[in-house]
C-alpha cells in the first residue's frame, strides 16, 4: 500500500511539473527550456512576499503566479518570438534565459537550505496503514482538479478551442483567423502559471534551491518525451509510469537513483519509440 499511495502522489507531482512544458510545446511547438527557472522563480517570489514583506500566504501565492505568468509572456514576446521556428535556436535561447535566471539567483545569494515555504495544512492521516501528511493529500486533490480544469478549458471555452486548433493544425487555424503569435503568448503565460502552481504545491515539501530548477526541467522533459511531445494525455500517463518506477526504485534500490530512472526513460523511449506513447512525430522506420 505504501508503494501504491506514494506512487500516486509522486505521479501527480510529476504531472504538475510537466503540464506547463507540455502545454507550451503542444500549442506553439516551442520547447521552453526555461521551464525549470520559472518554477524556482515563483518559489522565491512567494518566499520574498511572505517572509520579506509579510504578506498573506494566499495573496503571496496569487501575486507570484501572476508575476511568473508575466515573466513567461515577456520571455516569449521579447526573445523567443525572434527565433520561433528555428528548433535549435529555440532550445538554446530558452535554456540560456533559464540558466541566466537560475545562476543569477545563486549569485544574488539565494542558495543553501534556508528558504522554505510553509505547508498548507499541518498533520497527517493514516491511509490503509500508511501515514500520509495532509499537504501531500492536497497535492493529489489539486493536481487532479488542475488536469480536469485543463480538459474543460480546452474543450468548452473559446480560447481553449483556439489553443487546441493551433495544436492540431497551425496553418488551418491561421486561415480561420486565429493569430499564431497571440496564441503562443497565451500558451506561454498559461504554461508559466502552471509551473508556478506546481512550485507552490511541491516546494513546501522541501527547500527552495536553485538546483530544483534543473531537476524539474529534466523530469518535465522525461515525462513529455515518454508521453509524446505535444500530447497532454500522454504526459499524464507517462507521469504515472515514471512516478511508480521512481517509487519502486527508491524502495528496492535507493533514493539517489530517482533521477537515473528519468534519464533512462528518455533514452529507452528515444531508442524504441521516438515519438513517445501518444506522440504524432514520425517513427524511425518512417524517416529512413
C-alpha atoms as a PDB file:
ATOM      1  CA  UNK A   1       0.000   0.000   0.000  1.00  0.00           C
ATOM      2  CA  UNK A   2       2.847   2.414   0.664  1.00  0.00           C
ATOM      3  CA  UNK A   3       4.107   1.880  -2.911  1.00  0.00           C
ATOM      4  CA  UNK A   4       0.597   2.461  -4.283  1.00  0.00           C
ATOM      5  CA  UNK A   5      -0.138   5.582  -2.230  1.00  0.00           C
ATOM      6  CA  UNK A   6       3.224   7.264  -2.625  1.00  0.00           C
ATOM      7  CA  UNK A   7       3.380   6.171  -6.264  1.00  0.00           C
ATOM      8  CA  UNK A   8       0.157   8.105  -6.908  1.00  0.00           C
ATOM      9  CA  UNK A   9       1.480  11.133  -5.016  1.00  0.00           C
ATOM     10  CA  UNK A  10       4.773  11.081  -6.931  1.00  0.00           C
ATOM     11  CA  UNK A  11       2.974  10.622 -10.255  1.00  0.00           C
ATOM     12  CA  UNK A  12       0.658  13.580  -9.664  1.00  0.00           C
ATOM     13  CA  UNK A  13       3.692  15.661  -8.664  1.00  0.00           C
ATOM     14  CA  UNK A  14       5.464  14.767 -11.927  1.00  0.00           C
ATOM     15  CA  UNK A  15       2.335  15.582 -13.915  1.00  0.00           C
ATOM     16  CA  UNK A  16       2.175  19.014 -12.262  1.00  0.00           C
ATOM     17  CA  UNK A  17       5.840  19.630 -13.117  1.00  0.00           C
ATOM     18  CA  UNK A  18       5.367  18.649 -16.768  1.00  0.00           C
ATOM     19  CA  UNK A  19       1.954  20.075 -17.696  1.00  0.00           C
ATOM     20  CA  UNK A  20       3.249  23.596 -18.319  1.00  0.00           C
ATOM     21  CA  UNK A  21       6.061  22.343 -20.559  1.00  0.00           C
ATOM     22  CA  UNK A  22       3.678  20.037 -22.445  1.00  0.00           C
ATOM     23  CA  UNK A  23       1.113  22.811 -22.906  1.00  0.00           C
ATOM     24  CA  UNK A  24       3.592  25.287 -24.402  1.00  0.00           C
ATOM     25  CA  UNK A  25       5.123  22.724 -26.758  1.00  0.00           C
ATOM     26  CA  UNK A  26       1.787  21.227 -27.730  1.00  0.00           C
ATOM     27  CA  UNK A  27       0.376  24.580 -28.842  1.00  0.00           C
ATOM     28  CA  UNK A  28       3.330  26.544 -30.221  1.00  0.00           C
ATOM     29  CA  UNK A  29       5.837  23.706 -30.829  1.00  0.00           C
ATOM     30  CA  UNK A  30       8.216  25.686 -28.643  1.00  0.00           C
ATOM     31  CA  UNK A  31      10.436  23.684 -26.229  1.00  0.00           C
ATOM     32  CA  UNK A  32      10.535  26.019 -23.226  1.00  0.00           C
ATOM     33  CA  UNK A  33      13.824  25.108 -21.574  1.00  0.00           C
ATOM     34  CA  UNK A  34      13.315  27.992 -19.123  1.00  0.00           C
ATOM     35  CA  UNK A  35      10.514  25.954 -17.514  1.00  0.00           C
ATOM     36  CA  UNK A  36      12.623  24.937 -14.508  1.00  0.00           C
ATOM     37  CA  UNK A  37      13.775  28.522 -13.954  1.00  0.00           C
ATOM     38  CA  UNK A  38      10.165  29.743 -13.896  1.00  0.00           C
ATOM     39  CA  UNK A  39       9.383  27.007 -11.362  1.00  0.00           C
ATOM     40  CA  UNK A  40      12.120  28.185  -8.985  1.00  0.00           C
ATOM     41  CA  UNK A  41      11.472  31.900  -9.554  1.00  0.00           C
ATOM     42  CA  UNK A  42       7.850  31.529  -8.477  1.00  0.00           C
ATOM     43  CA  UNK A  43       9.010  29.843  -5.268  1.00  0.00           C
ATOM     44  CA  UNK A  44      11.467  32.647  -4.496  1.00  0.00           C
ATOM     45  CA  UNK A  45       8.844  35.312  -5.272  1.00  0.00           C
ATOM     46  CA  UNK A  46       6.369  33.638  -2.918  1.00  0.00           C
ATOM     47  CA  UNK A  47       9.013  33.357  -0.182  1.00  0.00           C
ATOM     48  CA  UNK A  48      10.040  37.012  -0.606  1.00  0.00           C
ATOM     49  CA  UNK A  49       6.463  38.270  -0.420  1.00  0.00           C
ATOM     50  CA  UNK A  50       5.630  36.034   2.536  1.00  0.00           C
ATOM     51  CA  UNK A  51       8.779  36.336   4.635  1.00  0.00           C
ATOM     52  CA  UNK A  52      10.298  39.577   3.389  1.00  0.00           C
ATOM     53  CA  UNK A  53       7.197  41.760   3.008  1.00  0.00           C
ATOM     54  CA  UNK A  54       4.960  39.912   5.456  1.00  0.00           C
ATOM     55  CA  UNK A  55       2.051  39.484   3.048  1.00  0.00           C
ATOM     56  CA  UNK A  56      -0.677  36.912   3.492  1.00  0.00           C
ATOM     57  CA  UNK A  57       0.301  33.445   2.211  1.00  0.00           C
ATOM     58  CA  UNK A  58      -2.638  33.161  -0.193  1.00  0.00           C
ATOM     59  CA  UNK A  59      -2.053  36.671  -1.539  1.00  0.00           C
ATOM     60  CA  UNK A  60       1.664  35.914  -1.961  1.00  0.00           C
ATOM     61  CA  UNK A  61       0.776  32.830  -3.993  1.00  0.00           C
ATOM     62  CA  UNK A  62      -1.577  34.742  -6.298  1.00  0.00           C
ATOM     63  CA  UNK A  63       0.960  37.516  -6.891  1.00  0.00           C
ATOM     64  CA  UNK A  64       3.763  35.006  -7.519  1.00  0.00           C
ATOM     65  CA  UNK A  65       1.671  33.125 -10.084  1.00  0.00           C
ATOM     66  CA  UNK A  66       0.702  36.360 -11.832  1.00  0.00           C
ATOM     67  CA  UNK A  67       4.291  37.639 -11.918  1.00  0.00           C
ATOM     68  CA  UNK A  68       5.595  34.284 -13.190  1.00  0.00           C
ATOM     69  CA  UNK A  69       2.982  34.270 -15.952  1.00  0.00           C
ATOM     70  CA  UNK A  70       4.008  37.805 -16.887  1.00  0.00           C
ATOM     71  CA  UNK A  71       7.680  36.778 -16.987  1.00  0.00           C
ATOM     72  CA  UNK A  72       6.828  33.877 -19.278  1.00  0.00           C
ATOM     73  CA  UNK A  73       4.843  36.136 -21.617  1.00  0.00           C
ATOM     74  CA  UNK A  74       7.644  38.715 -21.757  1.00  0.00           C
ATOM     75  CA  UNK A  75      10.200  35.955 -22.352  1.00  0.00           C
ATOM     76  CA  UNK A  76       8.292  34.886 -25.448  1.00  0.00           C
ATOM     77  CA  UNK A  77       7.451  38.402 -26.655  1.00  0.00           C
ATOM     78  CA  UNK A  78      10.979  39.788 -26.471  1.00  0.00           C
ATOM     79  CA  UNK A  79      13.217  36.745 -27.005  1.00  0.00           C
ATOM     80  CA  UNK A  80      11.594  33.541 -28.224  1.00  0.00           C
ATOM     81  CA  UNK A  81       9.380  35.139 -30.891  1.00  0.00           C
ATOM     82  CA  UNK A  82      12.557  36.137 -32.749  1.00  0.00           C
ATOM     83  CA  UNK A  83      13.781  32.538 -33.026  1.00  0.00           C
ATOM     84  CA  UNK A  84      10.446  30.751 -33.336  1.00  0.00           C
ATOM     85  CA  UNK A  85      10.553  28.067 -35.985  1.00  0.00           C
ATOM     86  CA  UNK A  86      14.307  27.505 -35.612  1.00  0.00           C
ATOM     87  CA  UNK A  87      14.360  24.439 -33.370  1.00  0.00           C
ATOM     88  CA  UNK A  88      17.971  24.594 -32.188  1.00  0.00           C
ATOM     89  CA  UNK A  89      17.803  28.356 -31.618  1.00  0.00           C
ATOM     90  CA  UNK A  90      14.609  27.950 -29.602  1.00  0.00           C
ATOM     91  CA  UNK A  91      16.288  25.445 -27.298  1.00  0.00           C
ATOM     92  CA  UNK A  92      19.465  27.496 -26.928  1.00  0.00           C
ATOM     93  CA  UNK A  93      17.622  30.775 -26.344  1.00  0.00           C
ATOM     94  CA  UNK A  94      15.149  29.418 -23.773  1.00  0.00           C
ATOM     95  CA  UNK A  95      17.811  27.403 -21.940  1.00  0.00           C
ATOM     96  CA  UNK A  96      20.163  30.399 -21.902  1.00  0.00           C
ATOM     97  CA  UNK A  97      17.451  32.586 -20.370  1.00  0.00           C
ATOM     98  CA  UNK A  98      16.628  29.937 -17.780  1.00  0.00           C
ATOM     99  CA  UNK A  99      20.313  29.446 -16.980  1.00  0.00           C
ATOM    100  CA  UNK A 100      20.796  33.197 -16.559  1.00  0.00           C
ATOM    101  CA  UNK A 101      17.847  33.406 -14.175  1.00  0.00           C
ATOM    102  CA  UNK A 102      18.899  30.429 -12.051  1.00  0.00           C
ATOM    103  CA  UNK A 103      22.542  31.391 -11.800  1.00  0.00           C
ATOM    104  CA  UNK A 104      21.504  34.996 -11.213  1.00  0.00           C
ATOM    105  CA  UNK A 105      19.508  33.835  -8.199  1.00  0.00           C
ATOM    106  CA  UNK A 106      22.522  31.872  -6.957  1.00  0.00           C
ATOM    107  CA  UNK A 107      24.778  34.901  -7.453  1.00  0.00           C
ATOM    108  CA  UNK A 108      22.229  37.060  -5.650  1.00  0.00           C
ATOM    109  CA  UNK A 109      22.523  34.951  -2.508  1.00  0.00           C
ATOM    110  CA  UNK A 110      19.559  32.611  -2.888  1.00  0.00           C
ATOM    111  CA  UNK A 111      21.428  29.440  -2.003  1.00  0.00           C
ATOM    112  CA  UNK A 112      21.592  26.980   0.829  1.00  0.00           C
ATOM    113  CA  UNK A 113      18.750  25.292   2.670  1.00  0.00           C
ATOM    114  CA  UNK A 114      17.271  28.335   4.446  1.00  0.00           C
ATOM    115  CA  UNK A 115      14.430  29.138   2.053  1.00  0.00           C
ATOM    116  CA  UNK A 116      11.283  27.139   2.743  1.00  0.00           C
ATOM    117  CA  UNK A 117       7.557  27.616   2.289  1.00  0.00           C
ATOM    118  CA  UNK A 118       5.034  26.503   4.917  1.00  0.00           C
ATOM    119  CA  UNK A 119       2.785  23.573   4.147  1.00  0.00           C
ATOM    120  CA  UNK A 120      -0.889  24.268   3.525  1.00  0.00           C
ATOM    121  CA  UNK A 121      -2.019  22.045   6.415  1.00  0.00           C
ATOM    122  CA  UNK A 122      -0.119  20.565   9.344  1.00  0.00           C
ATOM    123  CA  UNK A 123      -0.503  16.968  10.495  1.00  0.00           C
ATOM    124  CA  UNK A 124      -1.018  13.603   8.849  1.00  0.00           C
ATOM    125  CA  UNK A 125      -3.525  10.801   8.491  1.00  0.00           C
ATOM    126  CA  UNK A 126      -3.252   7.010   8.301  1.00  0.00           C
ATOM    127  CA  UNK A 127      -4.497   5.603   4.988  1.00  0.00           C
ATOM    128  CA  UNK A 128      -4.649   1.788   4.892  1.00  0.00           C
ATOM    129  CA  UNK A 129      -1.868   1.634   7.450  1.00  0.00           C
ATOM    130  CA  UNK A 130       0.320   4.190   5.652  1.00  0.00           C
ATOM    131  CA  UNK A 131       0.952   7.632   7.228  1.00  0.00           C
ATOM    132  CA  UNK A 132       0.387  10.460   4.729  1.00  0.00           C
ATOM    133  CA  UNK A 133       0.603  14.148   5.595  1.00  0.00           C
ATOM    134  CA  UNK A 134      -2.288  16.432   4.714  1.00  0.00           C
ATOM    135  CA  UNK A 135      -0.255  18.569   2.319  1.00  0.00           C
ATOM    136  CA  UNK A 136       0.510  15.591   0.059  1.00  0.00           C
ATOM    137  CA  UNK A 137      -3.176  14.703   0.027  1.00  0.00           C
ATOM    138  CA  UNK A 138      -3.917  18.281  -1.042  1.00  0.00           C
ATOM    139  CA  UNK A 139      -1.296  17.965  -3.803  1.00  0.00           C
ATOM    140  CA  UNK A 140      -3.147  14.950  -5.197  1.00  0.00           C
ATOM    141  CA  UNK A 141      -6.533  16.665  -4.946  1.00  0.00           C
ATOM    142  CA  UNK A 142      -5.400  19.947  -6.501  1.00  0.00           C
ATOM    143  CA  UNK A 143      -3.387  18.105  -9.163  1.00  0.00           C
ATOM    144  CA  UNK A 144      -6.431  16.120 -10.211  1.00  0.00           C
ATOM    145  CA  UNK A 145      -8.509  19.304 -10.272  1.00  0.00           C
ATOM    146  CA  UNK A 146      -5.914  21.022 -12.499  1.00  0.00           C
ATOM    147  CA  UNK A 147      -5.990  18.167 -15.026  1.00  0.00           C
ATOM    148  CA  UNK A 148      -9.809  18.280 -15.061  1.00  0.00           C
ATOM    149  CA  UNK A 149      -9.780  22.070 -15.436  1.00  0.00           C
ATOM    150  CA  UNK A 150      -7.386  21.858 -18.398  1.00  0.00           C
ATOM    151  CA  UNK A 151      -9.680  19.381 -20.135  1.00  0.00           C
ATOM    152  CA  UNK A 152     -12.764  21.557 -19.572  1.00  0.00           C
ATOM    153  CA  UNK A 153     -10.877  24.724 -20.556  1.00  0.00           C
ATOM    154  CA  UNK A 154      -9.572  23.289 -23.829  1.00  0.00           C
ATOM    155  CA  UNK A 155     -12.912  21.692 -24.779  1.00  0.00           C
ATOM    156  CA  UNK A 156     -15.531  24.186 -23.599  1.00  0.00           C
ATOM    157  CA  UNK A 157     -14.065  27.697 -23.875  1.00  0.00           C
ATOM    158  CA  UNK A 158     -13.386  29.874 -26.913  1.00  0.00           C
ATOM    159  CA  UNK A 159      -9.735  30.464 -26.004  1.00  0.00           C
ATOM    160  CA  UNK A 160      -9.224  26.793 -25.184  1.00  0.00           C
ATOM    161  CA  UNK A 161     -10.657  25.689 -28.513  1.00  0.00           C
ATOM    162  CA  UNK A 162      -8.394  28.190 -30.294  1.00  0.00           C
ATOM    163  CA  UNK A 163      -5.416  26.718 -28.456  1.00  0.00           C
ATOM    164  CA  UNK A 164      -6.480  23.210 -29.478  1.00  0.00           C
ATOM    165  CA  UNK A 165      -6.833  24.384 -33.057  1.00  0.00           C
ATOM    166  CA  UNK A 166      -3.275  25.737 -33.029  1.00  0.00           C
ATOM    167  CA  UNK A 167      -2.030  22.481 -31.551  1.00  0.00           C
ATOM    168  CA  UNK A 168      -3.780  20.364 -34.201  1.00  0.00           C
ATOM    169  CA  UNK A 169      -3.096  22.393 -37.359  1.00  0.00           C
ATOM    170  CA  UNK A 170      -1.456  25.814 -37.224  1.00  0.00           C
ATOM    171  CA  UNK A 171      -1.968  26.647 -40.920  1.00  0.00           C
ATOM    172  CA  UNK A 172      -5.677  25.826 -40.832  1.00  0.00           C
ATOM    173  CA  UNK A 173      -6.033  27.899 -37.666  1.00  0.00           C
ATOM    174  CA  UNK A 174      -4.340  30.863 -39.357  1.00  0.00           C
ATOM    175  CA  UNK A 175      -6.810  30.567 -42.252  1.00  0.00           C
ATOM    176  CA  UNK A 176      -9.659  30.743 -39.731  1.00  0.00           C
ATOM    177  CA  UNK A 177      -8.318  33.992 -38.276  1.00  0.00           C
ATOM    178  CA  UNK A 178      -6.536  32.668 -35.185  1.00  0.00           C
ATOM    179  CA  UNK A 179      -3.368  34.687 -34.520  1.00  0.00           C
ATOM    180  CA  UNK A 180      -0.456  32.276 -34.045  1.00  0.00           C
ATOM    181  CA  UNK A 181       1.705  34.653 -32.010  1.00  0.00           C
ATOM    182  CA  UNK A 182      -1.150  35.688 -29.728  1.00  0.00           C
ATOM    183  CA  UNK A 183      -1.965  32.054 -29.008  1.00  0.00           C
ATOM    184  CA  UNK A 184       1.724  31.333 -28.402  1.00  0.00           C
ATOM    185  CA  UNK A 185       1.888  34.162 -25.847  1.00  0.00           C
ATOM    186  CA  UNK A 186      -1.275  32.859 -24.157  1.00  0.00           C
ATOM    187  CA  UNK A 187       0.216  29.358 -24.062  1.00  0.00           C
ATOM    188  CA  UNK A 188       3.492  30.666 -22.626  1.00  0.00           C
ATOM    189  CA  UNK A 189       1.691  32.650 -19.921  1.00  0.00           C
ATOM    190  CA  UNK A 190      -0.562  29.702 -19.105  1.00  0.00           C
ATOM    191  CA  UNK A 191       2.381  27.278 -19.055  1.00  0.00           C
ATOM    192  CA  UNK A 192       4.344  29.605 -16.764  1.00  0.00           C
ATOM    193  CA  UNK A 193       1.388  29.862 -14.385  1.00  0.00           C
ATOM    194  CA  UNK A 194       1.180  26.054 -14.310  1.00  0.00           C
ATOM    195  CA  UNK A 195       4.908  25.899 -13.494  1.00  0.00           C
ATOM    196  CA  UNK A 196       4.314  28.395 -10.667  1.00  0.00           C
ATOM    197  CA  UNK A 197       1.367  26.373  -9.359  1.00  0.00           C
ATOM    198  CA  UNK A 198       3.498  23.213  -9.338  1.00  0.00           C
ATOM    199  CA  UNK A 199       6.233  25.036  -7.418  1.00  0.00           C
ATOM    200  CA  UNK A 200       3.838  26.433  -4.822  1.00  0.00           C
ATOM    201  CA  UNK A 201       2.354  22.971  -4.262  1.00  0.00           C
ATOM    202  CA  UNK A 202       5.606  20.991  -4.221  1.00  0.00           C
ATOM    203  CA  UNK A 203       8.259  23.296  -2.760  1.00  0.00           C
ATOM    204  CA  UNK A 204       6.724  23.230   0.756  1.00  0.00           C
ATOM    205  CA  UNK A 205       7.722  19.528   0.808  1.00  0.00           C
ATOM    206  CA  UNK A 206      11.404  20.545   0.637  1.00  0.00           C
ATOM    207  CA  UNK A 207      13.610  23.594   0.248  1.00  0.00           C
ATOM    208  CA  UNK A 208      13.702  26.302  -2.408  1.00  0.00           C
ATOM    209  CA  UNK A 209      17.065  25.779  -4.074  1.00  0.00           C
ATOM    210  CA  UNK A 210      18.435  26.696  -7.492  1.00  0.00           C
ATOM    211  CA  UNK A 211      19.167  23.035  -8.267  1.00  0.00           C
ATOM    212  CA  UNK A 212      15.429  22.311  -8.206  1.00  0.00           C
ATOM    213  CA  UNK A 213      15.103  24.212 -11.477  1.00  0.00           C
ATOM    214  CA  UNK A 214      17.455  21.853 -13.298  1.00  0.00           C
ATOM    215  CA  UNK A 215      15.806  18.768 -11.757  1.00  0.00           C
ATOM    216  CA  UNK A 216      12.298  19.904 -12.668  1.00  0.00           C
ATOM    217  CA  UNK A 217      13.368  20.631 -16.248  1.00  0.00           C
ATOM    218  CA  UNK A 218      14.833  17.126 -16.642  1.00  0.00           C
ATOM    219  CA  UNK A 219      11.743  15.486 -15.121  1.00  0.00           C
ATOM    220  CA  UNK A 220       9.372  17.554 -17.282  1.00  0.00           C
ATOM    221  CA  UNK A 221      11.316  16.648 -20.431  1.00  0.00           C
ATOM    222  CA  UNK A 222      11.327  12.966 -19.443  1.00  0.00           C
ATOM    223  CA  UNK A 223       7.564  12.931 -18.889  1.00  0.00           C
ATOM    224  CA  UNK A 224       6.858  14.746 -22.168  1.00  0.00           C
ATOM    225  CA  UNK A 225       9.201  12.553 -24.230  1.00  0.00           C
ATOM    226  CA  UNK A 226       7.796   9.302 -22.819  1.00  0.00           C
ATOM    227  CA  UNK A 227       4.209  10.511 -23.204  1.00  0.00           C
ATOM    228  CA  UNK A 228       4.842  12.020 -26.625  1.00  0.00           C
ATOM    229  CA  UNK A 229       5.771  15.643 -27.250  1.00  0.00           C
ATOM    230  CA  UNK A 230       2.629  17.666 -27.745  1.00  0.00           C
ATOM    231  CA  UNK A 231       0.268  15.172 -26.069  1.00  0.00           C
ATOM    232  CA  UNK A 232      -1.168  16.296 -22.727  1.00  0.00           C
ATOM    233  CA  UNK A 233      -2.904  12.956 -22.137  1.00  0.00           C
ATOM    234  CA  UNK A 234       0.346  11.149 -22.884  1.00  0.00           C
ATOM    235  CA  UNK A 235       2.193  13.360 -20.406  1.00  0.00           C
ATOM    236  CA  UNK A 236      -0.216  12.450 -17.602  1.00  0.00           C
ATOM    237  CA  UNK A 237       0.090   8.740 -18.403  1.00  0.00           C
ATOM    238  CA  UNK A 238       3.884   8.999 -18.631  1.00  0.00           C
ATOM    239  CA  UNK A 239       3.938  10.782 -15.259  1.00  0.00           C
ATOM    240  CA  UNK A 240       2.319   7.698 -13.686  1.00  0.00           C
ATOM    241  CA  UNK A 241       4.732   5.320 -15.424  1.00  0.00           C
ATOM    242  CA  UNK A 242       7.837   7.259 -14.347  1.00  0.00           C
ATOM    243  CA  UNK A 243       6.337   8.111 -10.948  1.00  0.00           C
ATOM    244  CA  UNK A 244       5.749   4.482  -9.987  1.00  0.00           C
ATOM    245  CA  UNK A 245       9.106   3.456 -11.478  1.00  0.00           C
ATOM    246  CA  UNK A 246      10.815   6.006  -9.233  1.00  0.00           C
ATOM    247  CA  UNK A 247       8.999   4.813  -6.109  1.00  0.00           C
ATOM    248  CA  UNK A 248       9.888   1.179  -6.867  1.00  0.00           C
ATOM    249  CA  UNK A 249      13.498   2.261  -7.375  1.00  0.00           C
ATOM    250  CA  UNK A 250      13.501   4.067  -4.024  1.00  0.00           C
ATOM    251  CA  UNK A 251      12.081   1.017  -2.248  1.00  0.00           C
ATOM    252  CA  UNK A 252      14.251  -1.663  -3.816  1.00  0.00           C
ATOM    253  CA  UNK A 253      17.416   0.167  -4.949  1.00  0.00           C
ATOM    254  CA  UNK A 254      17.949   3.560  -3.348  1.00  0.00           C
ATOM    255  CA  UNK A 255      16.579   7.111  -3.277  1.00  0.00           C
ATOM    256  CA  UNK A 256      19.599   8.572  -5.081  1.00  0.00           C
ATOM    257  CA  UNK A 257      18.671   6.656  -8.266  1.00  0.00           C
ATOM    258  CA  UNK A 258      15.397   8.541  -8.867  1.00  0.00           C
ATOM    259  CA  UNK A 259      16.869  10.899 -11.445  1.00  0.00           C
ATOM    260  CA  UNK A 260      18.575   7.953 -13.166  1.00  0.00           C
ATOM    261  CA  UNK A 261      15.112   6.487 -13.784  1.00  0.00           C
ATOM    262  CA  UNK A 262      14.006   9.652 -15.580  1.00  0.00           C
ATOM    263  CA  UNK A 263      17.125   9.760 -17.746  1.00  0.00           C
ATOM    264  CA  UNK A 264      16.829   6.053 -18.608  1.00  0.00           C
ATOM    265  CA  UNK A 265      13.179   6.642 -19.551  1.00  0.00           C
ATOM    266  CA  UNK A 266      14.297   9.321 -22.021  1.00  0.00           C
ATOM    267  CA  UNK A 267      16.979   7.090 -23.566  1.00  0.00           C
ATOM    268  CA  UNK A 268      14.797   3.972 -23.827  1.00  0.00           C
ATOM    269  CA  UNK A 269      11.900   5.914 -25.352  1.00  0.00           C
ATOM    270  CA  UNK A 270      14.103   7.608 -27.949  1.00  0.00           C
ATOM    271  CA  UNK A 271      15.600   4.248 -28.926  1.00  0.00           C
ATOM    272  CA  UNK A 272      12.422   2.149 -29.034  1.00  0.00           C
ATOM    273  CA  UNK A 273       9.665   4.659 -29.808  1.00  0.00           C
ATOM    274  CA  UNK A 274      10.987   8.140 -30.649  1.00  0.00           C
ATOM    275  CA  UNK A 275       7.503   9.669 -30.886  1.00  0.00           C
ATOM    276  CA  UNK A 276       6.538   8.526 -27.379  1.00  0.00           C
ATOM    277  CA  UNK A 277       3.345   6.798 -26.293  1.00  0.00           C
ATOM    278  CA  UNK A 278       0.914   9.283 -27.845  1.00  0.00           C
ATOM    279  CA  UNK A 279       3.227  11.435 -29.964  1.00  0.00           C
ATOM    280  CA  UNK A 280       2.468  12.226 -33.597  1.00  0.00           C
ATOM    281  CA  UNK A 281       6.032  12.588 -34.825  1.00  0.00           C
ATOM    282  CA  UNK A 282       7.222  10.126 -37.454  1.00  0.00           C
ATOM    283  CA  UNK A 283       8.697   6.874 -36.249  1.00  0.00           C
ATOM    284  CA  UNK A 284      12.296   5.939 -37.021  1.00  0.00           C
ATOM    285  CA  UNK A 285      11.390   3.456 -39.740  1.00  0.00           C
ATOM    286  CA  UNK A 286       9.245   6.084 -41.472  1.00  0.00           C
ATOM    287  CA  UNK A 287      12.167   8.503 -41.624  1.00  0.00           C
ATOM    288  CA  UNK A 288      14.733   6.073 -43.023  1.00  0.00           C
END
